Amino acid sequence: MPFLPVAALALLIEAAVGYPARLLPRIGHPVIWIGRLIAALDDRLNRPDRSFAARRVRGIAALLVILAAAALPCALLQHVLLALPLGLIGLAILASSLLAQRSLHAHVAAVAQALEDEGLAAGRAAVSQIVGRDPAQLDVAGVSRAAIESLAENFSDGIVAPAFWLAIGGLPGAAAYKAVNTADSMIGHKTPRHQAFGWAAARLDDLVNLPASRLSGLLLVAAARTQPGASAAGAWRAMRRDAPRHRSPNAGWPEAAMAGALGIAIAGPRSYGGVPVDAAFMGDGRREIGPADIRAALRLYRRADALLVGALSLGALATLIAPG
């Protein structure tokens, strides 16, 4: 992994300072830029009067445009920065914008805080910021499950996966990953509008998330060994048993590991836009959970994230001091 030092430094920078809030109203965020391009291509190319095959071909073409728009400028920028004396640090600062350690923790912690301080209505409002299911249908346990699921899945999608592709492909690798992941979240749904046009984005997202999802699960298993009250054996057992039953080929790995470690059950049936979805439970523990379980999940997340940062830092150190 030739960019291990960049990945390690980017994780440390993002964990320390996050993405500066004052930049959002001024320049936005890389994911917002990518999202605007995806929305424009969807509006222009995904016409309902075209055939299924034509819309699928246009979806493939749109995905190629999205990947090129994300990766090529980053490749040029990386080439320029690496020619400068402190270019590695500049590259890591830019790459840190593609990671989400602080924002993920803040959004999930806000759900626990809302439930603790203001009750169910506030918890529903807070969790609606991070999940797509119908919040009005959720009780306290449902809100808590949704928050923990989001934490587990986004640990993989928002942290481990971009760090993995950053370590392998540098800034363009991480940017291309974020482009694919954003495209999947916007157009990769099996709805009448996007079943054809978003097919390529959904399939590629499944592929690029495969290594990170397994790694995320293993990090959560390892983290459970260090957390009082958590069970590494339970995490390993739930991950191996339940992950293959998840609707997603990737999300089940961190979700099942998290559930098994904490002795709870998450996922299960839910509703999107009034449409019920019969999904398998991850974990076979308690289903009646609350904000205390969200807090426990956040502690496990912090430990797993620290393991990731530590492993990449050790790898970066070895890369920097290796002869030749």
Protein backbone atom coordinates (compact mmCIF):
# COMPACT_ATOMS: atom_id res chain seq x y z
CA MET A 1 0.00 0.00 0.00
CA PRO A 2 2.14 2.90 -1.25
CA PHE A 3 0.04 5.64 0.38
CA LEU A 4 -0.08 4.24 3.91
CA PRO A 5 1.54 7.38 5.40
CA VAL A 6 -1.06 9.60 3.72
CA ALA A 7 -3.93 7.42 4.97
CA ALA A 8 -2.60 7.32 8.53
CA LEU A 9 -1.99 11.07 8.65
CA ALA A 10 -5.38 11.85 7.08
CA LEU A 11 -7.15 9.78 9.73
CA LEU A 12 -5.26 11.56 12.51
CA ILE A 13 -6.04 14.99 11.05
CA GLU A 14 -9.74 14.24 10.58
CA ALA A 15 -10.01 12.73 14.08
CA ALA A 16 -8.43 15.86 15.54
CA VAL A 17 -10.23 18.64 13.65
CA GLY A 18 -12.81 17.14 11.29
CA TYR A 19 -14.04 19.13 8.33
CA PRO A 20 -14.06 22.86 9.25
CA ALA A 21 -17.68 23.97 9.68
CA ARG A 22 -16.93 27.42 8.28
CA LEU A 23 -16.02 25.87 4.92
CA LEU A 24 -19.44 24.32 4.34
CA PRO A 25 -21.34 27.55 3.58
CA ARG A 26 -18.41 28.92 1.58
CA ILE A 27 -17.26 26.05 -0.63
CA GLY A 28 -19.41 23.09 0.37
CA HIS A 29 -17.90 19.61 0.68
CA PRO A 30 -16.46 17.11 -1.86
CA VAL A 31 -19.46 14.82 -1.38
CA ILE A 32 -21.81 17.73 -2.08
CA TRP A 33 -19.91 18.52 -5.30
CA ILE A 34 -20.13 14.90 -6.41
CA GLY A 35 -23.81 14.79 -5.48
CA ARG A 36 -24.60 17.80 -7.65
CA LEU A 37 -22.98 16.14 -10.64
CA ILE A 38 -24.87 12.90 -10.02
CA ALA A 39 -28.18 14.75 -9.72
CA ALA A 40 -27.52 16.63 -12.97
CA LEU A 41 -26.66 13.44 -14.86
CA ASP A 42 -29.69 11.66 -13.43
CA ASP A 43 -31.95 14.49 -14.53
CA ARG A 44 -30.46 14.69 -18.02
CA LEU A 45 -29.87 11.04 -18.91
CA ASN A 46 -32.41 9.04 -16.90
CA ARG A 47 -35.52 9.77 -18.96
CA PRO A 48 -38.57 7.61 -18.19
CA ASP A 49 -39.50 7.39 -21.87
CA ARG A 50 -36.32 5.44 -22.70
CA SER A 51 -36.12 1.65 -22.62
CA PHE A 52 -34.72 -0.28 -19.67
CA ALA A 53 -31.61 -1.23 -21.67
CA ALA A 54 -31.02 2.34 -22.84
CA ARG A 55 -31.28 3.67 -19.30
CA ARG A 56 -28.84 1.03 -18.04
CA VAL A 57 -26.30 1.99 -20.73
CA ARG A 58 -26.69 5.65 -19.84
CA GLY A 59 -26.25 4.77 -16.17
CA ILE A 60 -22.94 3.08 -16.97
CA ALA A 61 -21.84 6.12 -18.97
CA ALA A 62 -22.89 8.44 -16.14
CA LEU A 63 -20.89 6.40 -13.64
CA LEU A 64 -17.78 6.65 -15.82
CA VAL A 65 -18.21 10.43 -16.01
CA ILE A 66 -18.63 10.62 -12.23
CA LEU A 67 -15.50 8.54 -11.63
CA ALA A 68 -13.45 10.61 -14.06
CA ALA A 69 -14.68 13.89 -12.57
CA ALA A 70 -13.70 12.74 -9.09
CA ALA A 71 -10.41 10.95 -9.77
CA LEU A 72 -8.67 12.88 -12.57
CA PRO A 73 -8.43 16.30 -10.84
CA CYS A 74 -7.26 14.52 -7.68
CA ALA A 75 -4.58 12.63 -9.63
CA LEU A 76 -3.26 15.91 -11.04
CA LEU A 77 -3.37 17.57 -7.63
CA GLN A 78 -1.58 14.63 -6.05
CA HIS A 79 1.15 14.74 -8.70
CA VAL A 80 1.75 18.44 -7.99
CA LEU A 81 1.69 18.10 -4.21
CA LEU A 82 4.08 15.16 -4.06
CA ALA A 83 6.67 17.24 -5.89
CA LEU A 84 6.65 19.79 -3.05
CA PRO A 85 8.70 19.51 0.18
CA LEU A 86 5.67 19.20 2.49
CA GLY A 87 3.32 17.89 -0.15
CA LEU A 88 2.58 14.71 1.82
CA ILE A 89 1.03 16.77 4.59
CA GLY A 90 -1.01 18.83 2.12
CA LEU A 91 -2.22 15.63 0.48
CA ALA A 92 -3.28 14.21 3.84
CA ILE A 93 -5.16 17.41 4.71
CA LEU A 94 -7.12 17.19 1.47
CA ALA A 95 -7.74 13.46 1.92
CA SER A 96 -9.06 14.01 5.44
CA SER A 97 -12.16 15.64 3.90
CA LEU A 98 -13.11 12.22 2.53
CA LEU A 99 -13.23 10.63 6.01
CA ALA A 100 -16.03 10.94 8.56
CA GLN A 101 -14.83 9.88 12.02
CA ARG A 102 -15.90 13.01 13.90
CA SER A 103 -19.14 13.69 12.06
CA LEU A 104 -20.31 10.08 12.38
CA HIS A 105 -19.67 10.08 16.11
CA ALA A 106 -21.40 13.45 16.52
CA HIS A 107 -24.55 12.45 14.61
CA VAL A 108 -24.98 9.15 16.46
CA ALA A 109 -24.21 10.69 19.86
CA ALA A 110 -26.86 13.33 19.10
CA VAL A 111 -29.49 10.57 18.90
CA ALA A 112 -28.55 9.22 22.33
CA GLN A 113 -28.51 12.76 23.76
CA ALA A 114 -31.92 13.55 22.30
CA LEU A 115 -33.48 10.39 23.74
CA GLU A 116 -31.93 11.03 27.14
CA ASP A 117 -32.81 14.72 27.38
CA GLU A 118 -36.03 15.20 25.42
CA GLY A 119 -37.54 11.78 24.75
CA LEU A 120 -38.85 9.85 21.78
CA ALA A 121 -39.93 12.73 19.53
CA ALA A 122 -36.49 14.34 19.73
CA GLY A 123 -34.82 10.97 19.18
CA ARG A 124 -36.89 10.40 16.05
CA ALA A 125 -35.91 13.84 14.73
CA ALA A 126 -32.22 13.19 15.41
CA VAL A 127 -32.14 9.73 13.86
CA SER A 128 -33.96 11.00 10.75
CA GLN A 129 -30.76 12.90 9.94
CA ILE A 130 -28.77 9.68 9.47
CA VAL A 131 -31.20 6.99 8.27
CA GLY A 132 -33.80 6.76 5.52
CA ARG A 133 -36.47 4.71 7.28
CA ASP A 134 -39.74 6.24 8.52
CA PRO A 135 -38.93 7.76 11.93
CA ALA A 136 -42.61 8.09 12.89
CA GLN A 137 -42.84 4.30 12.98
CA LEU A 138 -39.99 3.91 15.50
CA ASP A 139 -40.22 3.49 19.25
CA VAL A 140 -37.22 4.07 21.55
CA ALA A 141 -35.80 0.65 20.73
CA GLY A 142 -36.32 1.26 17.00
CA VAL A 143 -34.58 4.64 17.14
CA SER A 144 -31.69 3.09 19.08
CA ARG A 145 -31.37 0.19 16.65
CA ALA A 146 -31.36 2.57 13.69
CA ALA A 147 -28.62 4.71 15.25
CA ILE A 148 -26.43 1.71 16.04
CA GLU A 149 -26.93 0.23 12.56
CA SER A 150 -25.95 3.55 11.00
CA LEU A 151 -22.86 3.72 13.22
CA ALA A 152 -21.75 0.21 12.26
CA GLU A 153 -22.44 0.53 8.54
CA ASN A 154 -20.90 3.98 8.24
CA PHE A 155 -17.82 2.89 10.16
CA SER A 156 -17.20 0.74 7.10
CA ASP A 157 -18.49 3.06 4.35
CA GLY A 158 -17.38 6.38 5.79
CA ILE A 159 -14.06 5.52 7.43
CA VAL A 160 -12.54 2.10 6.76
CA ALA A 161 -13.36 1.95 3.04
CA PRO A 162 -12.08 5.44 2.07
CA ALA A 163 -8.98 4.89 4.24
CA PHE A 164 -8.41 1.53 2.52
CA TRP A 165 -8.66 2.99 -0.99
CA LEU A 166 -6.61 6.00 0.08
CA ALA A 167 -3.84 3.69 1.26
CA ILE A 168 -3.89 1.81 -2.06
CA GLY A 169 -4.62 4.54 -4.61
CA GLY A 170 -3.88 7.82 -2.88
CA LEU A 171 -6.20 10.81 -3.18
CA PRO A 172 -7.69 9.72 -6.55
CA GLY A 173 -8.42 6.27 -5.12
CA ALA A 174 -10.27 7.69 -2.14
CA ALA A 175 -12.12 10.23 -4.30
CA ALA A 176 -13.21 7.53 -6.75
CA TYR A 177 -14.48 5.45 -3.85
CA LYS A 178 -16.50 8.36 -2.45
CA ALA A 179 -17.92 9.00 -5.92
CA VAL A 180 -19.11 5.41 -6.22
CA ASN A 181 -20.51 5.35 -2.69
CA THR A 182 -22.35 8.66 -3.19
CA ALA A 183 -23.74 7.48 -6.53
CA ASP A 184 -25.05 4.32 -4.91
CA SER A 185 -26.74 6.30 -2.13
CA MET A 186 -28.43 8.62 -4.66
CA ILE A 187 -29.31 6.40 -7.62
CA GLY A 188 -28.49 2.83 -6.56
CA HIS A 189 -32.00 1.98 -5.36
CA LYS A 190 -34.28 -0.68 -6.81
CA THR A 191 -37.02 1.84 -7.52
CA PRO A 192 -38.78 2.16 -10.90
CA ARG A 193 -36.74 5.28 -11.65
CA HIS A 194 -33.31 3.94 -10.72
CA GLN A 195 -33.47 0.18 -11.17
CA ALA A 196 -31.83 0.46 -14.61
CA PHE A 197 -29.96 3.76 -14.41
CA GLY A 198 -28.44 3.02 -10.99
CA TRP A 199 -27.59 -0.62 -11.67
CA ALA A 200 -23.91 0.00 -12.39
CA ALA A 201 -23.46 2.27 -9.38
CA ALA A 202 -25.06 -0.28 -7.04
CA ARG A 203 -23.02 -3.20 -8.37
CA LEU A 204 -19.73 -1.31 -8.28
CA ASP A 205 -20.45 -0.06 -4.77
CA ASP A 206 -20.97 -3.65 -3.62
CA LEU A 207 -17.60 -4.58 -5.10
CA VAL A 208 -15.50 -1.70 -3.76
CA ASN A 209 -16.97 -2.07 -0.25
CA LEU A 210 -16.31 -5.79 0.00
CA PRO A 211 -12.80 -5.69 1.55
CA ALA A 212 -13.54 -2.83 3.95
CA SER A 213 -16.77 -4.37 5.25
CA ARG A 214 -14.96 -7.54 6.30
CA LEU A 215 -12.11 -5.53 7.78
CA SER A 216 -14.59 -3.36 9.70
CA GLY A 217 -16.20 -6.43 11.21
CA LEU A 218 -12.81 -7.78 12.28
CA LEU A 219 -11.87 -4.42 13.83
CA LEU A 220 -15.09 -4.47 15.86
CA VAL A 221 -14.37 -8.03 17.00
CA ALA A 222 -10.87 -7.00 18.08
CA ALA A 223 -12.20 -3.88 19.79
CA ALA A 224 -14.70 -5.98 21.76
CA ARG A 225 -11.79 -7.80 23.39
CA THR A 226 -10.69 -4.53 25.00
CA GLN A 227 -14.09 -3.18 26.09
CA PRO A 228 -15.55 -4.21 29.44
CA GLY A 229 -18.97 -5.79 29.00
CA ALA A 230 -18.46 -6.50 25.28
CA SER A 231 -17.94 -9.97 23.84
CA ALA A 232 -15.43 -10.65 21.08
CA ALA A 233 -16.70 -14.23 20.83
CA GLY A 234 -20.26 -12.99 20.48
CA ALA A 235 -19.19 -10.52 17.81
CA TRP A 236 -17.37 -13.22 15.83
CA ARG A 237 -20.25 -15.68 16.14
CA ALA A 238 -22.90 -13.16 15.10
CA MET A 239 -20.82 -11.90 12.19
CA ARG A 240 -20.26 -15.37 10.75
CA ARG A 241 -23.87 -16.45 11.29
CA ASP A 242 -25.86 -13.33 10.43
CA ALA A 243 -23.86 -11.26 7.93
CA PRO A 244 -24.72 -13.54 4.96
CA ARG A 245 -28.44 -13.10 5.75
CA HIS A 246 -28.33 -9.30 5.40
CA ARG A 247 -29.96 -7.72 2.33
CA SER A 248 -26.62 -6.04 1.58
CA PRO A 249 -23.55 -8.15 0.76
CA ASN A 250 -21.46 -5.80 2.93
CA ALA A 251 -23.46 -3.97 5.60
CA GLY A 252 -24.17 -7.14 7.57
CA TRP A 253 -20.53 -7.66 8.55
CA PRO A 254 -20.03 -4.60 10.76
CA GLU A 255 -23.68 -4.57 11.87
CA ALA A 256 -23.63 -8.20 13.02
CA ALA A 257 -20.23 -7.76 14.70
CA MET A 258 -21.50 -4.70 16.58
CA ALA A 259 -24.70 -6.47 17.65
CA GLY A 260 -22.92 -9.62 18.78
CA ALA A 261 -20.31 -7.66 20.71
CA LEU A 262 -22.97 -5.75 22.67
CA GLY A 263 -25.39 -8.66 23.13
CA ILE A 264 -28.22 -6.96 21.25
CA ALA A 265 -30.23 -7.45 18.05
CA ILE A 266 -30.34 -4.74 15.38
CA ALA A 267 -31.67 -4.42 11.81
CA GLY A 268 -34.82 -6.51 11.36
CA PRO A 269 -38.11 -5.34 9.78
CA ARG A 270 -38.49 -1.63 9.05
CA SER A 271 -40.41 0.76 6.79
CA TYR A 272 -39.21 3.05 3.99
CA GLY A 273 -41.65 5.58 2.60
CA GLY A 274 -44.53 3.63 4.05
CA VAL A 275 -43.34 0.39 2.42
CA PRO A 276 -42.54 -2.38 4.95
CA VAL A 277 -39.25 -4.24 4.46
CA ASP A 278 -38.80 -7.69 6.02
CA ALA A 279 -35.08 -7.75 6.91
CA ALA A 280 -33.20 -10.24 9.05
CA PHE A 281 -32.03 -9.36 12.53
CA MET A 282 -28.29 -9.03 13.13
CA GLY A 283 -27.44 -10.59 16.47
CA ASP A 284 -29.68 -12.69 18.71
CA GLY A 285 -29.52 -10.61 21.89
CA ARG A 286 -31.86 -8.03 23.42
CA ARG A 287 -34.25 -6.24 21.08
CA GLU A 288 -35.45 -3.75 23.69
CA ILE A 289 -32.53 -1.35 23.69
CA GLY A 290 -32.08 2.33 24.45
CA PRO A 291 -29.67 5.27 24.59
CA ALA A 292 -27.32 3.43 26.97
CA ASP A 293 -26.76 0.87 24.20
CA ILE A 294 -26.02 3.66 21.73
CA ARG A 295 -23.38 4.94 24.17
CA ALA A 296 -21.89 1.44 24.43
CA ALA A 297 -21.82 1.19 20.62
CA LEU A 298 -20.02 4.53 20.42
CA ARG A 299 -17.38 3.31 22.87
CA LEU A 300 -16.85 0.20 20.75
CA TYR A 301 -16.67 2.35 17.61
CA ARG A 302 -13.99 4.57 19.15
CA ARG A 303 -11.90 1.55 20.08
CA ALA A 304 -12.26 0.00 16.62
CA ASP A 305 -11.36 3.30 14.99
CA ALA A 306 -8.31 3.61 17.22
CA LEU A 307 -7.23 0.13 16.13
CA LEU A 308 -7.56 1.18 12.49
CA VAL A 309 -5.53 4.36 13.04
CA GLY A 310 -2.91 2.44 15.00
CA ALA A 311 -2.56 -0.29 12.40
CA LEU A 312 -2.20 2.19 9.54
CA SER A 313 0.25 4.30 11.56
CA LEU A 314 2.45 1.27 12.25
CA GLY A 315 2.29 0.33 8.58
CA ALA A 316 3.18 3.89 7.59
CA LEU A 317 6.12 3.92 9.98
CA ALA A 318 7.38 0.65 8.57
CA THR A 319 7.04 2.04 5.04
CA LEU A 320 8.97 5.20 5.90
CA ILE A 321 11.90 3.47 7.63
CA ALA A 322 12.15 0.48 5.26
CA PRO A 323 15.44 0.43 3.33
CA GLY A 324 15.28 1.50 -0.31
